């Protein structure tokens, strides 16, 4: 992050939403997004 003591995580979903469809776009309440963070380099989320 701009504050070097922080990390920023971003996930983008539903690509290619056209401007004409943007006003109707919403997150699906049946979908959870999970950020998996590996702190020790073993490729398994900690």
ModelCIF file with pLDDT and N, C-alpha, C, O atoms, coordinates in Angstrom:
data_MODEL
#
_entry.id   MODEL 
#
_entity.id                         1 
_entity.type                       polymer 
_entity.pdbx_number_of_molecules   1 
#
_entity_poly.entity_id                      1 
_entity_poly.type                           'polypeptide(L)' 
_entity_poly.nstd_linkage                   no 
_entity_poly.nstd_monomer                   no 
_entity_poly.pdbx_seq_one_letter_code       
;(UNK)(UNK)(UNK)(UNK)(UNK)(UNK)(UNK)(UNK)(UNK)(UNK)(UNK)(UNK)(UNK)(UNK)(UNK)(UNK)
(UNK)(UNK)(UNK)(UNK)(UNK)(UNK)(UNK)(UNK)(UNK)(UNK)(UNK)(UNK)(UNK)(UNK)(UNK)(UNK)
(UNK)(UNK)(UNK)(UNK)(UNK)(UNK)(UNK)(UNK)(UNK)(UNK)(UNK)(UNK)(UNK)(UNK)
;
_entity_poly.pdbx_seq_one_letter_code_can   XXXXXXXXXXXXXXXXXXXXXXXXXXXXXXXXXXXXXXXXXXXXXX 
_entity_poly.pdbx_strand_id                 A 
#
loop_
_entity_poly_seq.entity_id 
_entity_poly_seq.num 
_entity_poly_seq.mon_id 
_entity_poly_seq.hetero 
1 1  UNK n 
1 2  UNK n 
1 3  UNK n 
1 4  UNK n 
1 5  UNK n 
1 6  UNK n 
1 7  UNK n 
1 8  UNK n 
1 9  UNK n 
1 10 UNK n 
1 11 UNK n 
1 12 UNK n 
1 13 UNK n 
1 14 UNK n 
1 15 UNK n 
1 16 UNK n 
1 17 UNK n 
1 18 UNK n 
1 19 UNK n 
1 20 UNK n 
1 21 UNK n 
1 22 UNK n 
1 23 UNK n 
1 24 UNK n 
1 25 UNK n 
1 26 UNK n 
1 27 UNK n 
1 28 UNK n 
1 29 UNK n 
1 30 UNK n 
1 31 UNK n 
1 32 UNK n 
1 33 UNK n 
1 34 UNK n 
1 35 UNK n 
1 36 UNK n 
1 37 UNK n 
1 38 UNK n 
1 39 UNK n 
1 40 UNK n 
1 41 UNK n 
1 42 UNK n 
1 43 UNK n 
1 44 UNK n 
1 45 UNK n 
1 46 UNK n 
#
_struct_asym.id          A 
_struct_asym.entity_id   1 
#
loop_
_ma_qa_metric.id 
_ma_qa_metric.mode 
_ma_qa_metric.name 
_ma_qa_metric.software_group_id 
_ma_qa_metric.type 
1 global pLDDT . pLDDT 
2 local  pLDDT . pLDDT 
#
_ma_qa_metric_global.metric_id      1 
_ma_qa_metric_global.metric_value   91.83 
_ma_qa_metric_global.model_id       1 
_ma_qa_metric_global.ordinal_id     1 
#
loop_
_ma_qa_metric_local.label_asym_id 
_ma_qa_metric_local.label_comp_id 
_ma_qa_metric_local.label_seq_id 
_ma_qa_metric_local.metric_id 
_ma_qa_metric_local.metric_value 
_ma_qa_metric_local.model_id 
_ma_qa_metric_local.ordinal_id 
A UNK 1  2 96.00 1 1  
A UNK 2  2 96.00 1 2  
A UNK 3  2 96.00 1 3  
A UNK 4  2 97.00 1 4  
A UNK 5  2 97.00 1 5  
A UNK 6  2 97.00 1 6  
A UNK 7  2 96.00 1 7  
A UNK 8  2 96.00 1 8  
A UNK 9  2 95.00 1 9  
A UNK 10 2 95.00 1 10 
A UNK 11 2 94.00 1 11 
A UNK 12 2 94.00 1 12 
A UNK 13 2 93.00 1 13 
A UNK 14 2 89.00 1 14 
A UNK 15 2 86.00 1 15 
A UNK 16 2 88.00 1 16 
A UNK 17 2 90.00 1 17 
A UNK 18 2 89.00 1 18 
A UNK 19 2 88.00 1 19 
A UNK 20 2 90.00 1 20 
A UNK 21 2 90.00 1 21 
A UNK 22 2 90.00 1 22 
A UNK 23 2 91.00 1 23 
A UNK 24 2 92.00 1 24 
A UNK 25 2 92.00 1 25 
A UNK 26 2 94.00 1 26 
A UNK 27 2 95.00 1 27 
A UNK 28 2 93.00 1 28 
A UNK 29 2 93.00 1 29 
A UNK 30 2 90.00 1 30 
A UNK 31 2 90.00 1 31 
A UNK 32 2 91.00 1 32 
A UNK 33 2 93.00 1 33 
A UNK 34 2 92.00 1 34 
A UNK 35 2 92.00 1 35 
A UNK 36 2 90.00 1 36 
A UNK 37 2 91.00 1 37 
A UNK 38 2 90.00 1 38 
A UNK 39 2 89.00 1 39 
A UNK 40 2 90.00 1 40 
A UNK 41 2 88.00 1 41 
A UNK 42 2 90.00 1 42 
A UNK 43 2 88.00 1 43 
A UNK 44 2 88.00 1 44 
A UNK 45 2 89.00 1 45 
A UNK 46 2 91.00 1 46 
#
loop_
_atom_site.group_PDB 
_atom_site.id 
_atom_site.type_symbol 
_atom_site.label_atom_id 
_atom_site.label_alt_id 
_atom_site.label_comp_id 
_atom_site.label_asym_id 
_atom_site.label_entity_id 
_atom_site.label_seq_id 
_atom_site.pdbx_PDB_ins_code 
_atom_site.Cartn_x 
_atom_site.Cartn_y 
_atom_site.Cartn_z 
_atom_site.occupancy 
_atom_site.B_iso_or_equiv 
_atom_site.pdbx_formal_charge 
_atom_site.auth_seq_id 
_atom_site.auth_comp_id 
_atom_site.auth_asym_id 
_atom_site.auth_atom_id 
_atom_site.pdbx_PDB_model_num 
ATOM 1   N N  . UNK A 1 1  ? 0.806   -1.203  0.000   1.00 96.00 ? 1  UNK A N  1 
ATOM 2   C CA . UNK A 1 1  ? 0.000   0.000   0.000   1.00 96.00 ? 1  UNK A CA 1 
ATOM 3   C C  . UNK A 1 1  ? 0.844   1.260   0.000   1.00 96.00 ? 1  UNK A C  1 
ATOM 4   O O  . UNK A 1 1  ? 2.061   1.205   0.173   1.00 96.00 ? 1  UNK A O  1 
ATOM 5   N N  . UNK A 1 2  ? 0.177   2.415   -0.198  1.00 96.00 ? 2  UNK A N  1 
ATOM 6   C CA . UNK A 1 2  ? 0.871   3.701   -0.103  1.00 96.00 ? 2  UNK A CA 1 
ATOM 7   C C  . UNK A 1 2  ? 1.502   3.826   1.283   1.00 96.00 ? 2  UNK A C  1 
ATOM 8   O O  . UNK A 1 2  ? 2.596   4.371   1.431   1.00 96.00 ? 2  UNK A O  1 
ATOM 9   N N  . UNK A 1 3  ? 0.794   3.308   2.307   1.00 96.00 ? 3  UNK A N  1 
ATOM 10  C CA . UNK A 1 3  ? 1.379   3.141   3.628   1.00 96.00 ? 3  UNK A CA 1 
ATOM 11  C C  . UNK A 1 3  ? 2.144   1.823   3.552   1.00 96.00 ? 3  UNK A C  1 
ATOM 12  O O  . UNK A 1 3  ? 1.530   0.760   3.471   1.00 96.00 ? 3  UNK A O  1 
ATOM 13  N N  . UNK A 1 4  ? 3.464   1.876   3.578   1.00 97.00 ? 4  UNK A N  1 
ATOM 14  C CA . UNK A 1 4  ? 4.294   0.689   3.342   1.00 97.00 ? 4  UNK A CA 1 
ATOM 15  C C  . UNK A 1 4  ? 4.139   -0.392  4.414   1.00 97.00 ? 4  UNK A C  1 
ATOM 16  O O  . UNK A 1 4  ? 4.705   -1.477  4.285   1.00 97.00 ? 4  UNK A O  1 
ATOM 17  N N  . UNK A 1 5  ? 3.382   -0.104  5.458   1.00 97.00 ? 5  UNK A N  1 
ATOM 18  C CA . UNK A 1 5  ? 3.088   -1.110  6.476   1.00 97.00 ? 5  UNK A CA 1 
ATOM 19  C C  . UNK A 1 5  ? 1.862   -1.943  6.106   1.00 97.00 ? 5  UNK A C  1 
ATOM 20  O O  . UNK A 1 5  ? 1.467   -2.834  6.857   1.00 97.00 ? 5  UNK A O  1 
ATOM 21  N N  . UNK A 1 6  ? 1.259   -1.654  4.951   1.00 97.00 ? 6  UNK A N  1 
ATOM 22  C CA . UNK A 1 6  ? 0.028   -2.327  4.540   1.00 97.00 ? 6  UNK A CA 1 
ATOM 23  C C  . UNK A 1 6  ? 0.207   -3.108  3.247   1.00 97.00 ? 6  UNK A C  1 
ATOM 24  O O  . UNK A 1 6  ? 1.098   -2.820  2.447   1.00 97.00 ? 6  UNK A O  1 
ATOM 25  N N  . UNK A 1 7  ? -0.655  -4.101  3.058   1.00 96.00 ? 7  UNK A N  1 
ATOM 26  C CA . UNK A 1 7  ? -0.781  -4.831  1.790   1.00 96.00 ? 7  UNK A CA 1 
ATOM 27  C C  . UNK A 1 7  ? -2.192  -4.591  1.258   1.00 96.00 ? 7  UNK A C  1 
ATOM 28  O O  . UNK A 1 7  ? -3.155  -4.500  2.020   1.00 96.00 ? 7  UNK A O  1 
ATOM 29  N N  . UNK A 1 8  ? -2.289  -4.490  -0.072  1.00 96.00 ? 8  UNK A N  1 
ATOM 30  C CA . UNK A 1 8  ? -3.570  -4.295  -0.736  1.00 96.00 ? 8  UNK A CA 1 
ATOM 31  C C  . UNK A 1 8  ? -3.851  -5.526  -1.587  1.00 96.00 ? 8  UNK A C  1 
ATOM 32  O O  . UNK A 1 8  ? -2.979  -6.011  -2.308  1.00 96.00 ? 8  UNK A O  1 
ATOM 33  N N  . UNK A 1 9  ? -5.073  -6.021  -1.494  1.00 95.00 ? 9  UNK A N  1 
ATOM 34  C CA . UNK A 1 9  ? -5.518  -7.155  -2.299  1.00 95.00 ? 9  UNK A CA 1 
ATOM 35  C C  . UNK A 1 9  ? -6.730  -6.716  -3.106  1.00 95.00 ? 9  UNK A C  1 
ATOM 36  O O  . UNK A 1 9  ? -7.654  -6.106  -2.568  1.00 95.00 ? 9  UNK A O  1 
ATOM 37  N N  . UNK A 1 10 ? -6.726  -7.030  -4.404  1.00 95.00 ? 10 UNK A N  1 
ATOM 38  C CA . UNK A 1 10 ? -7.816  -6.650  -5.303  1.00 95.00 ? 10 UNK A CA 1 
ATOM 39  C C  . UNK A 1 10 ? -8.233  -7.877  -6.098  1.00 95.00 ? 10 UNK A C  1 
ATOM 40  O O  . UNK A 1 10 ? -7.386  -8.595  -6.630  1.00 95.00 ? 10 UNK A O  1 
ATOM 41  N N  . UNK A 1 11 ? -9.523  -8.114  -6.179  1.00 94.00 ? 11 UNK A N  1 
ATOM 42  C CA . UNK A 1 11 ? -10.068 -9.140  -7.069  1.00 94.00 ? 11 UNK A CA 1 
ATOM 43  C C  . UNK A 1 11 ? -11.121 -8.469  -7.935  1.00 94.00 ? 11 UNK A C  1 
ATOM 44  O O  . UNK A 1 11 ? -12.024 -7.804  -7.427  1.00 94.00 ? 11 UNK A O  1 
ATOM 45  N N  . UNK A 1 12 ? -11.001 -8.644  -9.241  1.00 94.00 ? 12 UNK A N  1 
ATOM 46  C CA . UNK A 1 12 ? -12.000 -8.143  -10.179 1.00 94.00 ? 12 UNK A CA 1 
ATOM 47  C C  . UNK A 1 12 ? -12.773 -9.328  -10.734 1.00 94.00 ? 12 UNK A C  1 
ATOM 48  O O  . UNK A 1 12 ? -12.184 -10.334 -11.129 1.00 94.00 ? 12 UNK A O  1 
ATOM 49  N N  . UNK A 1 13 ? -14.089 -9.204  -10.761 1.00 93.00 ? 13 UNK A N  1 
ATOM 50  C CA . UNK A 1 13 ? -14.952 -10.248 -11.301 1.00 93.00 ? 13 UNK A CA 1 
ATOM 51  C C  . UNK A 1 13 ? -15.854 -9.651  -12.382 1.00 93.00 ? 13 UNK A C  1 
ATOM 52  O O  . UNK A 1 13 ? -16.013 -8.433  -12.469 1.00 93.00 ? 13 UNK A O  1 
ATOM 53  N N  . UNK A 1 14 ? -16.436 -10.516 -13.194 1.00 89.00 ? 14 UNK A N  1 
ATOM 54  C CA . UNK A 1 14 ? -17.392 -10.115 -14.229 1.00 89.00 ? 14 UNK A CA 1 
ATOM 55  C C  . UNK A 1 14 ? -16.779 -9.161  -15.252 1.00 89.00 ? 14 UNK A C  1 
ATOM 56  O O  . UNK A 1 14 ? -17.223 -8.021  -15.390 1.00 89.00 ? 14 UNK A O  1 
ATOM 57  N N  . UNK A 1 15 ? -15.791 -9.616  -15.942 1.00 86.00 ? 15 UNK A N  1 
ATOM 58  C CA . UNK A 1 15 ? -15.115 -8.773  -16.913 1.00 86.00 ? 15 UNK A CA 1 
ATOM 59  C C  . UNK A 1 15 ? -15.974 -8.389  -18.099 1.00 86.00 ? 15 UNK A C  1 
ATOM 60  O O  . UNK A 1 15 ? -17.000 -9.007  -18.383 1.00 86.00 ? 15 UNK A O  1 
ATOM 61  N N  . UNK A 1 16 ? -15.521 -7.346  -18.785 1.00 88.00 ? 16 UNK A N  1 
ATOM 62  C CA . UNK A 1 16 ? -16.129 -6.851  -20.020 1.00 88.00 ? 16 UNK A CA 1 
ATOM 63  C C  . UNK A 1 16 ? -17.579 -6.408  -19.850 1.00 88.00 ? 16 UNK A C  1 
ATOM 64  O O  . UNK A 1 16 ? -18.409 -6.644  -20.727 1.00 88.00 ? 16 UNK A O  1 
ATOM 65  N N  . UNK A 1 17 ? -17.884 -5.766  -18.725 1.00 90.00 ? 17 UNK A N  1 
ATOM 66  C CA . UNK A 1 17 ? -19.218 -5.184  -18.538 1.00 90.00 ? 17 UNK A CA 1 
ATOM 67  C C  . UNK A 1 17 ? -19.275 -3.928  -19.390 1.00 90.00 ? 17 UNK A C  1 
ATOM 68  O O  . UNK A 1 17 ? -18.487 -3.004  -19.188 1.00 90.00 ? 17 UNK A O  1 
ATOM 69  N N  . UNK A 1 18 ? -20.187 -3.887  -20.330 1.00 89.00 ? 18 UNK A N  1 
ATOM 70  C CA . UNK A 1 18 ? -20.294 -2.741  -21.235 1.00 89.00 ? 18 UNK A CA 1 
ATOM 71  C C  . UNK A 1 18 ? -20.898 -1.547  -20.499 1.00 89.00 ? 18 UNK A C  1 
ATOM 72  O O  . UNK A 1 18 ? -21.609 -1.725  -19.510 1.00 89.00 ? 18 UNK A O  1 
ATOM 73  N N  . UNK A 1 19 ? -20.621 -0.331  -20.974 1.00 88.00 ? 19 UNK A N  1 
ATOM 74  C CA . UNK A 1 19 ? -21.229 0.846   -20.347 1.00 88.00 ? 19 UNK A CA 1 
ATOM 75  C C  . UNK A 1 19 ? -22.757 0.757   -20.297 1.00 88.00 ? 19 UNK A C  1 
ATOM 76  O O  . UNK A 1 19 ? -23.370 1.216   -19.333 1.00 88.00 ? 19 UNK A O  1 
ATOM 77  N N  . UNK A 1 20 ? -23.371 0.175   -21.321 1.00 90.00 ? 20 UNK A N  1 
ATOM 78  C CA . UNK A 1 20 ? -24.833 0.076   -21.331 1.00 90.00 ? 20 UNK A CA 1 
ATOM 79  C C  . UNK A 1 20 ? -25.354 -0.929  -20.307 1.00 90.00 ? 20 UNK A C  1 
ATOM 80  O O  . UNK A 1 20 ? -26.521 -0.864  -19.920 1.00 90.00 ? 20 UNK A O  1 
ATOM 81  N N  . UNK A 1 21 ? -24.503 -1.861  -19.862 1.00 90.00 ? 21 UNK A N  1 
ATOM 82  C CA . UNK A 1 21 ? -24.905 -2.859  -18.861 1.00 90.00 ? 21 UNK A CA 1 
ATOM 83  C C  . UNK A 1 21 ? -24.447 -2.493  -17.453 1.00 90.00 ? 21 UNK A C  1 
ATOM 84  O O  . UNK A 1 21 ? -24.812 -3.168  -16.490 1.00 90.00 ? 21 UNK A O  1 
ATOM 85  N N  . UNK A 1 22 ? -23.660 -1.442  -17.325 1.00 90.00 ? 22 UNK A N  1 
ATOM 86  C CA . UNK A 1 22 ? -23.035 -1.110  -16.044 1.00 90.00 ? 22 UNK A CA 1 
ATOM 87  C C  . UNK A 1 22 ? -24.031 -0.808  -14.938 1.00 90.00 ? 22 UNK A C  1 
ATOM 88  O O  . UNK A 1 22 ? -23.811 -1.198  -13.791 1.00 90.00 ? 22 UNK A O  1 
ATOM 89  N N  . UNK A 1 23 ? -25.118 -0.123  -15.255 1.00 91.00 ? 23 UNK A N  1 
ATOM 90  C CA . UNK A 1 23 ? -26.065 0.253   -14.202 1.00 91.00 ? 23 UNK A CA 1 
ATOM 91  C C  . UNK A 1 23 ? -26.767 -0.964  -13.603 1.00 91.00 ? 23 UNK A C  1 
ATOM 92  O O  . UNK A 1 23 ? -27.262 -0.889  -12.478 1.00 91.00 ? 23 UNK A O  1 
ATOM 93  N N  . UNK A 1 24 ? -26.821 -2.067  -14.318 1.00 92.00 ? 24 UNK A N  1 
ATOM 94  C CA . UNK A 1 24 ? -27.468 -3.277  -13.818 1.00 92.00 ? 24 UNK A CA 1 
ATOM 95  C C  . UNK A 1 24 ? -26.481 -4.254  -13.183 1.00 92.00 ? 24 UNK A C  1 
ATOM 96  O O  . UNK A 1 24 ? -26.898 -5.263  -12.615 1.00 92.00 ? 24 UNK A O  1 
ATOM 97  N N  . UNK A 1 25 ? -25.191 -3.974  -13.270 1.00 92.00 ? 25 UNK A N  1 
ATOM 98  C CA . UNK A 1 25 ? -24.182 -4.901  -12.754 1.00 92.00 ? 25 UNK A CA 1 
ATOM 99  C C  . UNK A 1 25 ? -24.242 -4.965  -11.228 1.00 92.00 ? 25 UNK A C  1 
ATOM 100 O O  . UNK A 1 25 ? -24.404 -3.945  -10.557 1.00 92.00 ? 25 UNK A O  1 
ATOM 101 N N  . UNK A 1 26 ? -24.110 -6.172  -10.697 1.00 94.00 ? 26 UNK A N  1 
ATOM 102 C CA . UNK A 1 26 ? -24.062 -6.339  -9.245  1.00 94.00 ? 26 UNK A CA 1 
ATOM 103 C C  . UNK A 1 26 ? -23.325 -7.621  -8.912  1.00 94.00 ? 26 UNK A C  1 
ATOM 104 O O  . UNK A 1 26 ? -23.186 -8.509  -9.754  1.00 94.00 ? 26 UNK A O  1 
ATOM 105 N N  . UNK A 1 27 ? -22.857 -7.709  -7.686  1.00 95.00 ? 27 UNK A N  1 
ATOM 106 C CA . UNK A 1 27 ? -22.188 -8.911  -7.214  1.00 95.00 ? 27 UNK A CA 1 
ATOM 107 C C  . UNK A 1 27 ? -23.235 -10.009 -7.005  1.00 95.00 ? 27 UNK A C  1 
ATOM 108 O O  . UNK A 1 27 ? -24.362 -9.736  -6.590  1.00 95.00 ? 27 UNK A O  1 
ATOM 109 N N  . UNK A 1 28 ? -22.854 -11.227 -7.293  1.00 93.00 ? 28 UNK A N  1 
ATOM 110 C CA . UNK A 1 28 ? -23.720 -12.375 -7.064  1.00 93.00 ? 28 UNK A CA 1 
ATOM 111 C C  . UNK A 1 28 ? -23.635 -12.746 -5.585  1.00 93.00 ? 28 UNK A C  1 
ATOM 112 O O  . UNK A 1 28 ? -22.551 -13.033 -5.079  1.00 93.00 ? 28 UNK A O  1 
ATOM 113 N N  . UNK A 1 29 ? -24.767 -12.741 -4.897  1.00 93.00 ? 29 UNK A N  1 
ATOM 114 C CA . UNK A 1 29 ? -24.777 -13.044 -3.465  1.00 93.00 ? 29 UNK A CA 1 
ATOM 115 C C  . UNK A 1 29 ? -24.517 -14.516 -3.172  1.00 93.00 ? 29 UNK A C  1 
ATOM 116 O O  . UNK A 1 29 ? -24.430 -14.906 -2.008  1.00 93.00 ? 29 UNK A O  1 
ATOM 117 N N  . UNK A 1 30 ? -24.391 -15.335 -4.208  1.00 90.00 ? 30 UNK A N  1 
ATOM 118 C CA . UNK A 1 30 ? -24.060 -16.744 -4.022  1.00 90.00 ? 30 UNK A CA 1 
ATOM 119 C C  . UNK A 1 30 ? -22.589 -17.025 -4.281  1.00 90.00 ? 30 UNK A C  1 
ATOM 120 O O  . UNK A 1 30 ? -22.184 -18.181 -4.396  1.00 90.00 ? 30 UNK A O  1 
ATOM 121 N N  . UNK A 1 31 ? -21.783 -15.957 -4.373  1.00 90.00 ? 31 UNK A N  1 
ATOM 122 C CA . UNK A 1 31 ? -20.358 -16.118 -4.656  1.00 90.00 ? 31 UNK A CA 1 
ATOM 123 C C  . UNK A 1 31 ? -19.541 -15.432 -3.567  1.00 90.00 ? 31 UNK A C  1 
ATOM 124 O O  . UNK A 1 31 ? -19.732 -14.251 -3.279  1.00 90.00 ? 31 UNK A O  1 
ATOM 125 N N  . UNK A 1 32 ? -18.632 -16.190 -2.969  1.00 91.00 ? 32 UNK A N  1 
ATOM 126 C CA . UNK A 1 32 ? -17.671 -15.637 -2.020  1.00 91.00 ? 32 UNK A CA 1 
ATOM 127 C C  . UNK A 1 32 ? -16.330 -15.540 -2.739  1.00 91.00 ? 32 UNK A C  1 
ATOM 128 O O  . UNK A 1 32 ? -15.923 -16.472 -3.433  1.00 91.00 ? 32 UNK A O  1 
ATOM 129 N N  . UNK A 1 33 ? -15.651 -14.421 -2.572  1.00 93.00 ? 33 UNK A N  1 
ATOM 130 C CA . UNK A 1 33 ? -14.293 -14.282 -3.092  1.00 93.00 ? 33 UNK A CA 1 
ATOM 131 C C  . UNK A 1 33 ? -13.351 -14.443 -1.909  1.00 93.00 ? 33 UNK A C  1 
ATOM 132 O O  . UNK A 1 33 ? -13.528 -13.809 -0.869  1.00 93.00 ? 33 UNK A O  1 
ATOM 133 N N  . UNK A 1 34 ? -12.346 -15.297 -2.080  1.00 92.00 ? 34 UNK A N  1 
ATOM 134 C CA . UNK A 1 34 ? -11.397 -15.557 -0.999  1.00 92.00 ? 34 UNK A CA 1 
ATOM 135 C C  . UNK A 1 34 ? -9.991  -15.245 -1.474  1.00 92.00 ? 34 UNK A C  1 
ATOM 136 O O  . UNK A 1 34 ? -9.547  -15.746 -2.507  1.00 92.00 ? 34 UNK A O  1 
ATOM 137 N N  . UNK A 1 35 ? -9.296  -14.414 -0.713  1.00 92.00 ? 35 UNK A N  1 
ATOM 138 C CA . UNK A 1 35 ? -7.885  -14.126 -0.966  1.00 92.00 ? 35 UNK A CA 1 
ATOM 139 C C  . UNK A 1 35 ? -7.088  -15.124 -0.134  1.00 92.00 ? 35 UNK A C  1 
ATOM 140 O O  . UNK A 1 35 ? -7.191  -15.132 1.093   1.00 92.00 ? 35 UNK A O  1 
ATOM 141 N N  . UNK A 1 36 ? -6.298  -15.962 -0.791  1.00 90.00 ? 36 UNK A N  1 
ATOM 142 C CA . UNK A 1 36 ? -5.460  -16.940 -0.102  1.00 90.00 ? 36 UNK A CA 1 
ATOM 143 C C  . UNK A 1 36 ? -4.054  -16.367 0.003   1.00 90.00 ? 36 UNK A C  1 
ATOM 144 O O  . UNK A 1 36 ? -3.464  -15.948 -0.993  1.00 90.00 ? 36 UNK A O  1 
ATOM 145 N N  . UNK A 1 37 ? -3.523  -16.353 1.230   1.00 91.00 ? 37 UNK A N  1 
ATOM 146 C CA . UNK A 1 37 ? -2.238  -15.721 1.498   1.00 91.00 ? 37 UNK A CA 1 
ATOM 147 C C  . UNK A 1 37 ? -1.258  -16.775 2.009   1.00 91.00 ? 37 UNK A C  1 
ATOM 148 O O  . UNK A 1 37 ? -1.487  -17.413 3.037   1.00 91.00 ? 37 UNK A O  1 
ATOM 149 N N  . UNK A 1 38 ? -0.165  -16.942 1.271   1.00 90.00 ? 38 UNK A N  1 
ATOM 150 C CA . UNK A 1 38 ? 0.901   -17.866 1.647   1.00 90.00 ? 38 UNK A CA 1 
ATOM 151 C C  . UNK A 1 38 ? 2.032   -17.046 2.252   1.00 90.00 ? 38 UNK A C  1 
ATOM 152 O O  . UNK A 1 38 ? 2.664   -16.255 1.552   1.00 90.00 ? 38 UNK A O  1 
ATOM 153 N N  . UNK A 1 39 ? 2.293   -17.222 3.535   1.00 89.00 ? 39 UNK A N  1 
ATOM 154 C CA . UNK A 1 39 ? 3.340   -16.448 4.215   1.00 89.00 ? 39 UNK A CA 1 
ATOM 155 C C  . UNK A 1 39 ? 4.690   -17.144 4.281   1.00 89.00 ? 39 UNK A C  1 
ATOM 156 O O  . UNK A 1 39 ? 5.673   -16.526 4.690   1.00 89.00 ? 39 UNK A O  1 
ATOM 157 N N  . UNK A 1 40 ? 4.769   -18.421 3.889   1.00 90.00 ? 40 UNK A N  1 
ATOM 158 C CA . UNK A 1 40 ? 6.037   -19.123 4.066   1.00 90.00 ? 40 UNK A CA 1 
ATOM 159 C C  . UNK A 1 40 ? 6.574   -19.757 2.783   1.00 90.00 ? 40 UNK A C  1 
ATOM 160 O O  . UNK A 1 40 ? 7.542   -20.515 2.841   1.00 90.00 ? 40 UNK A O  1 
ATOM 161 N N  . UNK A 1 41 ? 5.980   -19.470 1.640   1.00 88.00 ? 41 UNK A N  1 
ATOM 162 C CA . UNK A 1 41 ? 6.517   -19.912 0.363   1.00 88.00 ? 41 UNK A CA 1 
ATOM 163 C C  . UNK A 1 41 ? 6.293   -21.367 0.001   1.00 88.00 ? 41 UNK A C  1 
ATOM 164 O O  . UNK A 1 41 ? 6.946   -21.878 -0.908  1.00 88.00 ? 41 UNK A O  1 
ATOM 165 N N  . UNK A 1 42 ? 5.374   -22.056 0.699   1.00 90.00 ? 42 UNK A N  1 
ATOM 166 C CA . UNK A 1 42 ? 5.133   -23.469 0.380   1.00 90.00 ? 42 UNK A CA 1 
ATOM 167 C C  . UNK A 1 42 ? 3.949   -23.671 -0.572  1.00 90.00 ? 42 UNK A C  1 
ATOM 168 O O  . UNK A 1 42 ? 3.531   -24.803 -0.816  1.00 90.00 ? 42 UNK A O  1 
ATOM 169 N N  . UNK A 1 43 ? 3.417   -22.580 -1.102  1.00 88.00 ? 43 UNK A N  1 
ATOM 170 C CA . UNK A 1 43 ? 2.296   -22.612 -2.053  1.00 88.00 ? 43 UNK A CA 1 
ATOM 171 C C  . UNK A 1 43 ? 1.007   -23.176 -1.468  1.00 88.00 ? 43 UNK A C  1 
ATOM 172 O O  . UNK A 1 43 ? 0.164   -23.700 -2.196  1.00 88.00 ? 43 UNK A O  1 
ATOM 173 N N  . UNK A 1 44 ? 0.859   -23.066 -0.151  1.00 88.00 ? 44 UNK A N  1 
ATOM 174 C CA . UNK A 1 44 ? -0.374  -23.434 0.545   1.00 88.00 ? 44 UNK A CA 1 
ATOM 175 C C  . UNK A 1 44 ? -0.783  -22.233 1.384   1.00 88.00 ? 44 UNK A C  1 
ATOM 176 O O  . UNK A 1 44 ? 0.046   -21.639 2.074   1.00 88.00 ? 44 UNK A O  1 
ATOM 177 N N  . UNK A 1 45 ? -2.050  -21.881 1.325   1.00 89.00 ? 45 UNK A N  1 
ATOM 178 C CA . UNK A 1 45 ? -2.486  -20.692 2.055   1.00 89.00 ? 45 UNK A CA 1 
ATOM 179 C C  . UNK A 1 45 ? -2.348  -20.878 3.567   1.00 89.00 ? 45 UNK A C  1 
ATOM 180 O O  . UNK A 1 45 ? -2.748  -21.896 4.131   1.00 89.00 ? 45 UNK A O  1 
ATOM 181 N N  . UNK A 1 46 ? -1.763  -19.850 4.203   1.00 91.00 ? 46 UNK A N  1 
ATOM 182 C CA . UNK A 1 46 ? -1.644  -19.808 5.656   1.00 91.00 ? 46 UNK A CA 1 
ATOM 183 C C  . UNK A 1 46 ? -2.769  -18.992 6.261   1.00 91.00 ? 46 UNK A C  1 
ATOM 184 O O  . UNK A 1 46 ? -2.837  -18.843 7.481   1.00 91.00 ? 46 UNK A O  1 
#
